[in-house]
C-alpha atoms as a PDB file:
ATOM      1  CA  UNK A   1       0.000   0.000   0.000  1.00  0.00           C
ATOM      2  CA  UNK A   2       1.404   3.413  -0.936  1.00  0.00           C
ATOM      3  CA  UNK A   3       1.901   6.209   1.586  1.00  0.00           C
ATOM      4  CA  UNK A   4      -1.154   8.220   0.499  1.00  0.00           C
ATOM      5  CA  UNK A   5      -3.470   5.250   1.024  1.00  0.00           C
ATOM      6  CA  UNK A   6      -1.851   4.441   4.364  1.00  0.00           C
ATOM      7  CA  UNK A   7      -2.411   8.004   5.562  1.00  0.00           C
ATOM      8  CA  UNK A   8      -6.046   8.125   4.413  1.00  0.00           C
ATOM      9  CA  UNK A   9      -6.816   4.719   5.905  1.00  0.00           C
ATOM     10  CA  UNK A  10      -5.324   5.694   9.270  1.00  0.00           C
ATOM     11  CA  UNK A  11      -7.304   8.935   9.349  1.00  0.00           C
ATOM     12  CA  UNK A  12     -10.522   7.157   8.394  1.00  0.00           C
ATOM     13  CA  UNK A  13      -9.990   4.594  11.141  1.00  0.00           C
ATOM     14  CA  UNK A  14      -9.267   7.319  13.694  1.00  0.00           C
ATOM     15  CA  UNK A  15     -12.450   9.218  12.848  1.00  0.00           C
ATOM     16  CA  UNK A  16     -14.457   6.002  12.826  1.00  0.00           C
ATOM     17  CA  UNK A  17     -13.416   5.524  16.449  1.00  0.00           C
ATOM     18  CA  UNK A  18     -14.973   8.899  17.244  1.00  0.00           C
ATOM     19  CA  UNK A  19     -18.061   8.625  15.027  1.00  0.00           C
ATOM     20  CA  UNK A  20     -19.872   5.862  16.893  1.00  0.00           C
ATOM     21  CA  UNK A  21     -23.389   5.459  18.238  1.00  0.00           C
ATOM     22  CA  UNK A  22     -23.888   8.068  20.917  1.00  0.00           C
ATOM     23  CA  UNK A  23     -21.622  10.724  19.413  1.00  0.00           C
ATOM     24  CA  UNK A  24     -23.526  13.909  18.499  1.00  0.00           C
ATOM     25  CA  UNK A  25     -24.009  13.530  14.725  1.00  0.00           C
ATOM     26  CA  UNK A  26     -23.249  17.135  13.793  1.00  0.00           C
ATOM     27  CA  UNK A  27     -20.060  17.113  15.863  1.00  0.00           C
ATOM     28  CA  UNK A  28     -18.886  13.989  14.024  1.00  0.00           C
ATOM     29  CA  UNK A  29     -19.828  15.589  10.699  1.00  0.00           C
ATOM     30  CA  UNK A  30     -17.885  18.745  11.566  1.00  0.00           C
ATOM     31  CA  UNK A  31     -14.791  16.687  12.367  1.00  0.00           C
ATOM     32  CA  UNK A  32     -15.040  14.798   9.087  1.00  0.00           C
ATOM     33  CA  UNK A  33     -15.532  18.042   7.195  1.00  0.00           C
ATOM     34  CA  UNK A  34     -12.268  19.343   8.655  1.00  0.00           C
ATOM     35  CA  UNK A  35     -10.281  16.267   7.598  1.00  0.00           C
ATOM     36  CA  UNK A  36     -11.937  15.254   4.308  1.00  0.00           C
ATOM     37  CA  UNK A  37     -11.576  15.857   1.429  1.00  0.00           C
ATOM     38  CA  UNK A  38      -7.891  15.708   2.032  1.00  0.00           C
ATOM     39  CA  UNK A  39      -5.372  18.489   1.758  1.00  0.00           C
ATOM     40  CA  UNK A  40      -1.722  17.952   0.880  1.00  0.00           C
ATOM     41  CA  UNK A  41      -1.146  15.828   4.029  1.00  0.00           C
ATOM     42  CA  UNK A  42       2.404  17.152   4.051  1.00  0.00           C
ATOM     43  CA  UNK A  43       3.004  16.562   7.773  1.00  0.00           C
ATOM     44  CA  UNK A  44       2.053  12.864   7.786  1.00  0.00           C
ATOM     45  CA  UNK A  45       3.878  12.395   4.472  1.00  0.00           C
ATOM     46  CA  UNK A  46       6.970  13.908   6.048  1.00  0.00           C
ATOM     47  CA  UNK A  47       6.579  11.615   9.063  1.00  0.00           C
ATOM     48  CA  UNK A  48       6.270   8.543   6.819  1.00  0.00           C
ATOM     49  CA  UNK A  49       9.262   9.601   4.698  1.00  0.00           C
ATOM     50  CA  UNK A  50      11.512  10.033   7.740  1.00  0.00           C
ATOM     51  CA  UNK A  51      10.363   6.686   9.136  1.00  0.00           C
ATOM     52  CA  UNK A  52      11.262   5.055   5.817  1.00  0.00           C
ATOM     53  CA  UNK A  53      14.633   6.816   5.797  1.00  0.00           C
ATOM     54  CA  UNK A  54      15.262   5.455   9.301  1.00  0.00           C
ATOM     55  CA  UNK A  55      14.367   1.860   8.358  1.00  0.00           C
ATOM     56  CA  UNK A  56      10.692   1.657   9.368  1.00  0.00           C
ATOM     57  CA  UNK A  57       9.952  -1.643  11.124  1.00  0.00           C
ATOM     58  CA  UNK A  58       6.464  -1.093  12.584  1.00  0.00           C
ATOM     59  CA  UNK A  59       4.119   0.472  10.003  1.00  0.00           C
ATOM     60  CA  UNK A  60       1.228   0.661  12.466  1.00  0.00           C
ATOM     61  CA  UNK A  61       3.109   3.038  14.753  1.00  0.00           C
ATOM     62  CA  UNK A  62       4.121   5.254  11.822  1.00  0.00           C
ATOM     63  CA  UNK A  63       0.520   5.383  10.629  1.00  0.00           C
ATOM     64  CA  UNK A  64      -0.736   6.350  14.091  1.00  0.00           C
ATOM     65  CA  UNK A  65       1.902   9.080  14.318  1.00  0.00           C
ATOM     66  CA  UNK A  66       1.006  10.447  10.890  1.00  0.00           C
ATOM     67  CA  UNK A  67      -2.726  10.431  11.640  1.00  0.00           C
ATOM     68  CA  UNK A  68      -2.167  12.213  14.962  1.00  0.00           C
ATOM     69  CA  UNK A  69      -0.155  14.927  13.241  1.00  0.00           C
ATOM     70  CA  UNK A  70      -2.835  15.538  10.621  1.00  0.00           C
ATOM     71  CA  UNK A  71      -5.600  15.599  13.226  1.00  0.00           C
ATOM     72  CA  UNK A  72      -3.662  18.238  15.168  1.00  0.00           C
ATOM     73  CA  UNK A  73      -3.073  20.238  12.001  1.00  0.00           C
ATOM     74  CA  UNK A  74      -6.724  20.121  10.949  1.00  0.00           C
ATOM     75  CA  UNK A  75      -7.815  21.092  14.466  1.00  0.00           C
ATOM     76  CA  UNK A  76      -5.527  24.119  14.303  1.00  0.00           C
ATOM     77  CA  UNK A  77      -7.087  25.136  10.975  1.00  0.00           C
ATOM     78  CA  UNK A  78     -10.578  25.014  12.471  1.00  0.00           C
ATOM     79  CA  UNK A  79      -9.479  27.314  15.264  1.00  0.00           C
ATOM     80  CA  UNK A  80      -7.447  29.601  12.966  1.00  0.00           C
ATOM     81  CA  UNK A  81     -10.520  30.210  10.801  1.00  0.00           C
ATOM     82  CA  UNK A  82     -12.745  31.288  13.698  1.00  0.00           C
ATOM     83  CA  UNK A  83     -13.926  34.919  13.771  1.00  0.00           C
ATOM     84  CA  UNK A  84     -11.822  35.606  16.871  1.00  0.00           C
ATOM     85  CA  UNK A  85      -8.695  34.837  14.803  1.00  0.00           C
ATOM     86  CA  UNK A  86      -8.693  35.000  10.985  1.00  0.00           C
ATOM     87  CA  UNK A  87     -12.450  35.059  10.433  1.00  0.00           C
ATOM     88  CA  UNK A  88     -11.972  32.983   7.274  1.00  0.00           C
ATOM     89  CA  UNK A  89     -15.090  31.804   5.457  1.00  0.00           C
ATOM     90  CA  UNK A  90     -13.212  29.416   3.138  1.00  0.00           C
ATOM     91  CA  UNK A  91     -10.839  26.532   3.680  1.00  0.00           C
ATOM     92  CA  UNK A  92      -9.631  24.330   0.812  1.00  0.00           C
ATOM     93  CA  UNK A  93     -12.164  26.011  -1.429  1.00  0.00           C
ATOM     94  CA  UNK A  94     -15.139  25.095   0.774  1.00  0.00           C
ATOM     95  CA  UNK A  95     -16.942  26.776   3.686  1.00  0.00           C
ATOM     96  CA  UNK A  96     -14.784  26.653   6.788  1.00  0.00           C
ATOM     97  CA  UNK A  97     -16.108  24.564   9.671  1.00  0.00           C
ATOM     98  CA  UNK A  98     -17.570  27.485  11.621  1.00  0.00           C
ATOM     99  CA  UNK A  99     -19.393  28.701   8.494  1.00  0.00           C
ATOM    100  CA  UNK A 100     -20.827  25.261   7.793  1.00  0.00           C
ATOM    101  CA  UNK A 101     -21.632  24.149  11.351  1.00  0.00           C
ATOM    102  CA  UNK A 102     -21.547  27.260  13.528  1.00  0.00           C
ATOM    103  CA  UNK A 103     -18.937  28.576  15.934  1.00  0.00           C
ATOM    104  CA  UNK A 104     -19.794  26.391  18.971  1.00  0.00           C
ATOM    105  CA  UNK A 105     -19.418  23.147  17.013  1.00  0.00           C
ATOM    106  CA  UNK A 106     -16.256  24.448  15.347  1.00  0.00           C
ATOM    107  CA  UNK A 107     -14.622  25.039  18.741  1.00  0.00           C
ATOM    108  CA  UNK A 108     -15.764  21.640  20.002  1.00  0.00           C
ATOM    109  CA  UNK A 109     -14.688  19.814  16.833  1.00  0.00           C
ATOM    110  CA  UNK A 110     -11.199  21.298  17.064  1.00  0.00           C
ATOM    111  CA  UNK A 111     -10.949  20.376  20.743  1.00  0.00           C
ATOM    112  CA  UNK A 112     -12.196  16.839  20.075  1.00  0.00           C
ATOM    113  CA  UNK A 113      -9.651  16.321  17.297  1.00  0.00           C
ATOM    114  CA  UNK A 114      -6.779  17.387  19.563  1.00  0.00           C
ATOM    115  CA  UNK A 115      -7.857  14.733  22.064  1.00  0.00           C
ATOM    116  CA  UNK A 116      -8.421  12.206  19.262  1.00  0.00           C
ATOM    117  CA  UNK A 117      -4.808  12.676  18.146  1.00  0.00           C
ATOM    118  CA  UNK A 118      -3.560  11.450  21.525  1.00  0.00           C
ATOM    119  CA  UNK A 119      -6.127   8.634  21.552  1.00  0.00           C
ATOM    120  CA  UNK A 120      -4.899   7.496  18.139  1.00  0.00           C
ATOM    121  CA  UNK A 121      -1.336   7.124  19.406  1.00  0.00           C
ATOM    122  CA  UNK A 122      -2.544   5.381  22.575  1.00  0.00           C
ATOM    123  CA  UNK A 123      -4.469   2.790  20.523  1.00  0.00           C
ATOM    124  CA  UNK A 124      -1.469   1.835  18.388  1.00  0.00           C
ATOM    125  CA  UNK A 125       0.055  -1.575  18.948  1.00  0.00           C
ATOM    126  CA  UNK A 126       3.790  -1.816  19.425  1.00  0.00           C
ATOM    127  CA  UNK A 127       6.668  -0.818  21.621  1.00  0.00           C
ATOM    128  CA  UNK A 128       5.432   1.194  24.617  1.00  0.00           C
ATOM    129  CA  UNK A 129       8.621   3.277  24.744  1.00  0.00           C
ATOM    130  CA  UNK A 130       8.059   4.467  21.174  1.00  0.00           C
ATOM    131  CA  UNK A 131       4.427   5.373  21.846  1.00  0.00           C
ATOM    132  CA  UNK A 132       5.450   7.326  24.956  1.00  0.00           C
ATOM    133  CA  UNK A 133       8.062   9.218  22.947  1.00  0.00           C
ATOM    134  CA  UNK A 134       5.496  10.049  20.246  1.00  0.00           C
ATOM    135  CA  UNK A 135       3.102  11.366  22.901  1.00  0.00           C
ATOM    136  CA  UNK A 136       5.818  13.560  24.395  1.00  0.00           C
ATOM    137  CA  UNK A 137       6.838  14.950  21.016  1.00  0.00           C
ATOM    138  CA  UNK A 138       3.360  15.847  19.811  1.00  0.00           C
ATOM    139  CA  UNK A 139       2.412  17.290  23.194  1.00  0.00           C
ATOM    140  CA  UNK A 140       5.376  19.624  23.034  1.00  0.00           C
ATOM    141  CA  UNK A 141       4.484  20.623  19.475  1.00  0.00           C
ATOM    142  CA  UNK A 142       0.964  21.667  20.412  1.00  0.00           C
ATOM    143  CA  UNK A 143       1.158  23.207  23.885  1.00  0.00           C
ATOM    144  CA  UNK A 144       3.391  25.686  25.650  1.00  0.00           C
ATOM    145  CA  UNK A 145       5.950  27.119  25.694  1.00  0.00           C
ATOM    146  CA  UNK A 146       6.845  26.473  22.030  1.00  0.00           C
ATOM    147  CA  UNK A 147       3.898  24.674  20.416  1.00  0.00           C
ATOM    148  CA  UNK A 148       1.246  25.882  17.998  1.00  0.00           C
ATOM    149  CA  UNK A 149      -0.928  27.261  20.802  1.00  0.00           C
ATOM    150  CA  UNK A 150       1.957  29.501  21.846  1.00  0.00           C
ATOM    151  CA  UNK A 151       2.468  30.432  18.205  1.00  0.00           C
ATOM    152  CA  UNK A 152      -1.126  31.597  17.882  1.00  0.00           C
ATOM    153  CA  UNK A 153      -0.794  33.505  21.151  1.00  0.00           C
ATOM    154  CA  UNK A 154       2.103  35.555  19.753  1.00  0.00           C
ATOM    155  CA  UNK A 155      -0.495  37.344  17.604  1.00  0.00           C
ATOM    156  CA  UNK A 156      -1.941  38.740  20.836  1.00  0.00           C
ATOM    157  CA  UNK A 157       1.359  40.340  21.904  1.00  0.00           C
ATOM    158  CA  UNK A 158       2.310  43.958  21.220  1.00  0.00           C
ATOM    159  CA  UNK A 159       5.847  43.010  20.150  1.00  0.00           C
ATOM    160  CA  UNK A 160       6.485  39.887  18.103  1.00  0.00           C
ATOM    161  CA  UNK A 161       9.728  38.114  17.318  1.00  0.00           C
ATOM    162  CA  UNK A 162       9.119  36.825  13.764  1.00  0.00           C
ATOM    163  CA  UNK A 163      11.418  33.824  14.164  1.00  0.00           C
ATOM    164  CA  UNK A 164       9.757  32.751  17.441  1.00  0.00           C
ATOM    165  CA  UNK A 165       6.317  33.290  15.940  1.00  0.00           C
ATOM    166  CA  UNK A 166       7.033  31.183  12.855  1.00  0.00           C
ATOM    167  CA  UNK A 167       8.889  28.511  14.820  1.00  0.00           C
ATOM    168  CA  UNK A 168       5.894  27.952  17.077  1.00  0.00           C
ATOM    169  CA  UNK A 169       2.863  28.599  14.898  1.00  0.00           C
ATOM    170  CA  UNK A 170       4.007  26.672  11.835  1.00  0.00           C
ATOM    171  CA  UNK A 171       7.363  25.081  12.557  1.00  0.00           C
ATOM    172  CA  UNK A 172       6.378  23.136  15.669  1.00  0.00           C
ATOM    173  CA  UNK A 173       4.313  20.521  13.834  1.00  0.00           C
ATOM    174  CA  UNK A 174       6.984  20.121  11.156  1.00  0.00           C
ATOM    175  CA  UNK A 175       9.599  19.491  13.839  1.00  0.00           C
ATOM    176  CA  UNK A 176       7.174  17.003  15.372  1.00  0.00           C
ATOM    177  CA  UNK A 177       6.680  15.324  11.974  1.00  0.00           C
ATOM    178  CA  UNK A 178      10.386  14.653  11.438  1.00  0.00           C
ATOM    179  CA  UNK A 179      11.012  13.718  15.073  1.00  0.00           C
ATOM    180  CA  UNK A 180       7.967  11.416  15.213  1.00  0.00           C
ATOM    181  CA  UNK A 181       8.975   9.742  11.963  1.00  0.00           C
ATOM    182  CA  UNK A 182      12.341   8.866  13.470  1.00  0.00           C
ATOM    183  CA  UNK A 183      10.850   7.850  16.825  1.00  0.00           C
ATOM    184  CA  UNK A 184       8.226   5.621  15.196  1.00  0.00           C
ATOM    185  CA  UNK A 185      11.061   3.707  13.516  1.00  0.00           C
ATOM    186  CA  UNK A 186      12.987   3.376  16.771  1.00  0.00           C
ATOM    187  CA  UNK A 187      15.633   5.976  15.876  1.00  0.00           C
ATOM    188  CA  UNK A 188      16.823   8.951  17.895  1.00  0.00           C
ATOM    189  CA  UNK A 189      14.473  11.830  17.024  1.00  0.00           C
ATOM    190  CA  UNK A 190      16.807  14.635  18.124  1.00  0.00           C
ATOM    191  CA  UNK A 191      19.044  14.804  14.999  1.00  0.00           C
ATOM    192  CA  UNK A 192      15.929  15.122  12.849  1.00  0.00           C
ATOM    193  CA  UNK A 193      14.538  18.182  14.610  1.00  0.00           C
ATOM    194  CA  UNK A 194      16.692  20.596  12.614  1.00  0.00           C
ATOM    195  CA  UNK A 195      15.278  19.193   9.368  1.00  0.00           C
ATOM    196  CA  UNK A 196      11.769  19.900  10.629  1.00  0.00           C
ATOM    197  CA  UNK A 197      12.719  23.391  11.785  1.00  0.00           C
ATOM    198  CA  UNK A 198      14.042  24.317   8.343  1.00  0.00           C
ATOM    199  CA  UNK A 199      11.044  22.819   6.537  1.00  0.00           C
ATOM    200  CA  UNK A 200       8.611  24.479   8.901  1.00  0.00           C
ATOM    201  CA  UNK A 201      10.136  27.903   8.466  1.00  0.00           C
ATOM    202  CA  UNK A 202      10.265  27.408   4.696  1.00  0.00           C
ATOM    203  CA  UNK A 203       6.599  26.428   4.717  1.00  0.00           C
ATOM    204  CA  UNK A 204       5.670  29.572   6.648  1.00  0.00           C
ATOM    205  CA  UNK A 205       7.658  31.793   4.278  1.00  0.00           C
ATOM    206  CA  UNK A 206       5.904  30.142   1.340  1.00  0.00           C
ATOM    207  CA  UNK A 207       2.550  30.678   3.060  1.00  0.00           C
ATOM    208  CA  UNK A 208       3.408  34.359   3.537  1.00  0.00           C
ATOM    209  CA  UNK A 209       4.228  34.581  -0.167  1.00  0.00           C
ATOM    210  CA  UNK A 210       0.933  32.957  -1.083  1.00  0.00           C
ATOM    211  CA  UNK A 211      -0.987  35.313   1.196  1.00  0.00           C
ATOM    212  CA  UNK A 212       0.694  38.271  -0.479  1.00  0.00           C
ATOM    213  CA  UNK A 213       0.825  37.175  -4.127  1.00  0.00           C
ATOM    214  CA  UNK A 214      -1.683  34.369  -4.797  1.00  0.00           C
ATOM    215  CA  UNK A 215      -5.442  34.569  -5.278  1.00  0.00           C
ATOM    216  CA  UNK A 216      -8.368  32.800  -3.622  1.00  0.00           C
ATOM    217  CA  UNK A 217      -8.902  30.437  -6.563  1.00  0.00           C
ATOM    218  CA  UNK A 218      -5.290  29.226  -6.428  1.00  0.00           C
ATOM    219  CA  UNK A 219      -5.074  28.465  -2.702  1.00  0.00           C
ATOM    220  CA  UNK A 220      -8.705  27.955  -1.707  1.00  0.00           C
ATOM    221  CA  UNK A 221      -8.713  30.405   1.211  1.00  0.00           C
ATOM    222  CA  UNK A 222      -8.746  34.182   1.728  1.00  0.00           C
ATOM    223  CA  UNK A 223      -5.586  36.121   0.832  1.00  0.00           C
ATOM    224  CA  UNK A 224      -4.201  39.395   2.145  1.00  0.00           C
ATOM    225  CA  UNK A 225      -4.805  38.268   5.723  1.00  0.00           C
ATOM    226  CA  UNK A 226      -1.401  39.308   7.072  1.00  0.00           C
ATOM    227  CA  UNK A 227      -1.963  42.930   6.110  1.00  0.00           C
ATOM    228  CA  UNK A 228      -5.639  42.869   7.079  1.00  0.00           C
ATOM    229  CA  UNK A 229      -4.840  41.598  10.585  1.00  0.00           C
ATOM    230  CA  UNK A 230      -1.520  43.468  10.884  1.00  0.00           C
ATOM    231  CA  UNK A 231       0.340  40.203  11.392  1.00  0.00           C
ATOM    232  CA  UNK A 232       4.073  39.713  11.004  1.00  0.00           C
ATOM    233  CA  UNK A 233       5.204  37.988   7.804  1.00  0.00           C
ATOM    234  CA  UNK A 234       8.371  37.306   5.863  1.00  0.00           C
ATOM    235  CA  UNK A 235       7.041  39.337   2.922  1.00  0.00           C
ATOM    236  CA  UNK A 236       6.272  42.358   5.060  1.00  0.00           C
ATOM    237  CA  UNK A 237       9.727  42.132   6.651  1.00  0.00           C
ATOM    238  CA  UNK A 238      11.860  41.154   3.623  1.00  0.00           C
ATOM    239  CA  UNK A 239       9.818  41.976   0.545  1.00  0.00           C
ATOM    240  CA  UNK A 240       8.860  39.469  -2.177  1.00  0.00           C
ATOM    241  CA  UNK A 241      12.393  38.975  -3.525  1.00  0.00           C
ATOM    242  CA  UNK A 242      13.899  38.689  -0.055  1.00  0.00           C
ATOM    243  CA  UNK A 243      11.290  36.141   1.019  1.00  0.00           C
ATOM    244  CA  UNK A 244      11.915  34.018  -2.092  1.00  0.00           C
ATOM    245  CA  UNK A 245      15.669  34.064  -1.459  1.00  0.00           C
ATOM    246  CA  UNK A 246      15.103  33.101   2.177  1.00  0.00           C
ATOM    247  CA  UNK A 247      12.797  30.253   1.111  1.00  0.00           C
ATOM    248  CA  UNK A 248      15.467  28.820  -1.194  1.00  0.00           C
ATOM    249  CA  UNK A 249      18.117  28.932   1.528  1.00  0.00           C
ATOM    250  CA  UNK A 250      15.807  27.204   4.016  1.00  0.00           C
ATOM    251  CA  UNK A 251      15.038  24.372   1.587  1.00  0.00           C
ATOM    252  CA  UNK A 252      18.755  23.834   0.947  1.00  0.00           C
ATOM    253  CA  UNK A 253      19.341  23.908   4.691  1.00  0.00           C
ATOM    254  CA  UNK A 254      16.669  21.251   5.303  1.00  0.00           C
ATOM    255  CA  UNK A 255      18.262  18.839   2.835  1.00  0.00           C
ATOM    256  CA  UNK A 256      21.743  19.516   4.206  1.00  0.00           C
ATOM    257  CA  UNK A 257      20.544  18.954   7.788  1.00  0.00           C
ATOM    258  CA  UNK A 258      19.361  15.393   7.101  1.00  0.00           C
ATOM    259  CA  UNK A 259      21.292  12.875   9.213  1.00  0.00           C
ATOM    260  CA  UNK A 260      22.983  10.038   7.366  1.00  0.00           C
ATOM    261  CA  UNK A 261      20.436   7.415   6.360  1.00  0.00           C
ATOM    262  CA  UNK A 262      20.180   4.662   3.790  1.00  0.00           C
ATOM    263  CA  UNK A 263      16.716   5.513   2.408  1.00  0.00           C
ATOM    264  CA  UNK A 264      16.709   9.295   2.191  1.00  0.00           C
ATOM    265  CA  UNK A 265      15.933   9.850  -1.495  1.00  0.00           C
ATOM    266  CA  UNK A 266      12.160   9.972  -1.048  1.00  0.00           C
ATOM    267  CA  UNK A 267      12.475  12.525   1.746  1.00  0.00           C
ATOM    268  CA  UNK A 268      14.771  14.756  -0.311  1.00  0.00           C
ATOM    269  CA  UNK A 269      12.319  14.642  -3.207  1.00  0.00           C
ATOM    270  CA  UNK A 270       9.424  15.480  -0.895  1.00  0.00           C
ATOM    271  CA  UNK A 271      11.216  18.527   0.525  1.00  0.00           C
ATOM    272  CA  UNK A 272      12.043  19.879  -2.924  1.00  0.00           C
ATOM    273  CA  UNK A 273       8.605  19.226  -4.399  1.00  0.00           C
ATOM    274  CA  UNK A 274       6.791  20.872  -1.488  1.00  0.00           C
ATOM    275  CA  UNK A 275       8.928  23.998  -1.779  1.00  0.00           C
ATOM    276  CA  UNK A 276       7.982  24.278  -5.460  1.00  0.00           C
ATOM    277  CA  UNK A 277       4.296  23.507  -4.934  1.00  0.00           C
ATOM    278  CA  UNK A 278       3.746  26.185  -2.318  1.00  0.00           C
ATOM    279  CA  UNK A 279       5.098  29.161  -4.253  1.00  0.00           C
ATOM    280  CA  UNK A 280       2.337  31.181  -5.998  1.00  0.00           C
ATOM    281  CA  UNK A 281       2.113  30.469  -9.718  1.00  0.00           C
ATOM    282  CA  UNK A 282       3.003  34.046 -10.704  1.00  0.00           C
ATOM    283  CA  UNK A 283       6.245  33.790  -8.674  1.00  0.00           C
ATOM    284  CA  UNK A 284       7.206  30.240  -9.668  1.00  0.00           C
ATOM    285  CA  UNK A 285       9.723  31.301 -12.313  1.00  0.00           C
ATOM    286  CA  UNK A 286      11.493  33.548  -9.818  1.00  0.00           C
ATOM    287  CA  UNK A 287      11.666  30.800  -7.202  1.00  0.00           C
ATOM    288  CA  UNK A 288      12.885  28.081  -9.579  1.00  0.00           C
END
């Protein structure tokens, strides 16, 4: 079974565990709406690619780790789109969860998916020490002081350090993806954190470029949000050309930071392809 099918199967199984008799039907529907139809699934794909590079020996643990990462990511998108944050009506070209189901169910669906991520790891069969490590890694990537919750909270501060903001809001789950991929294969996750940091920062820079230079039809969500909400961004700090140059250097840095491994070709290809995919079409020639 290829990686895409493994990821989708694991997510379907995780949501099936939640969507049982007795679960409020609209809550279950809101959770499914947040996860399906699928997005790029870049975080679980990164997790799977690192596990493969490290000699994956327990596919079930890798699949649980990847599903947990995507559930956390999708939960963060639900919360990001709420009126108290971005107030976004669209996500992936469709009504965002709060527009389709209302704000109360959107908050509850996001909360439920955060819990479901931990439940998914807990249900996996395999080495207890690996599952404990996965729980520790993803907990650190979501909470405080450096997880995605802290990253969102930086938007409420009067002075923002752009590097800290990006490292928490976007980078934390990418660091978790590389570290969890290694941990799920029984390898030391620490050397892989730098790879995730570089990819995460590159992803945020690319997202800033898309917010500044793409259109709604291309990315399936509102654009111009950084200026509208007076948020920090690489484009606002460096300009378009500076942000593109920074993106290129981060992608090179991610590849160079990879620890020695016997099966790293797929991961290298994934890093390069994601960097290309995320740049707005009108800037693609400049970023090539």
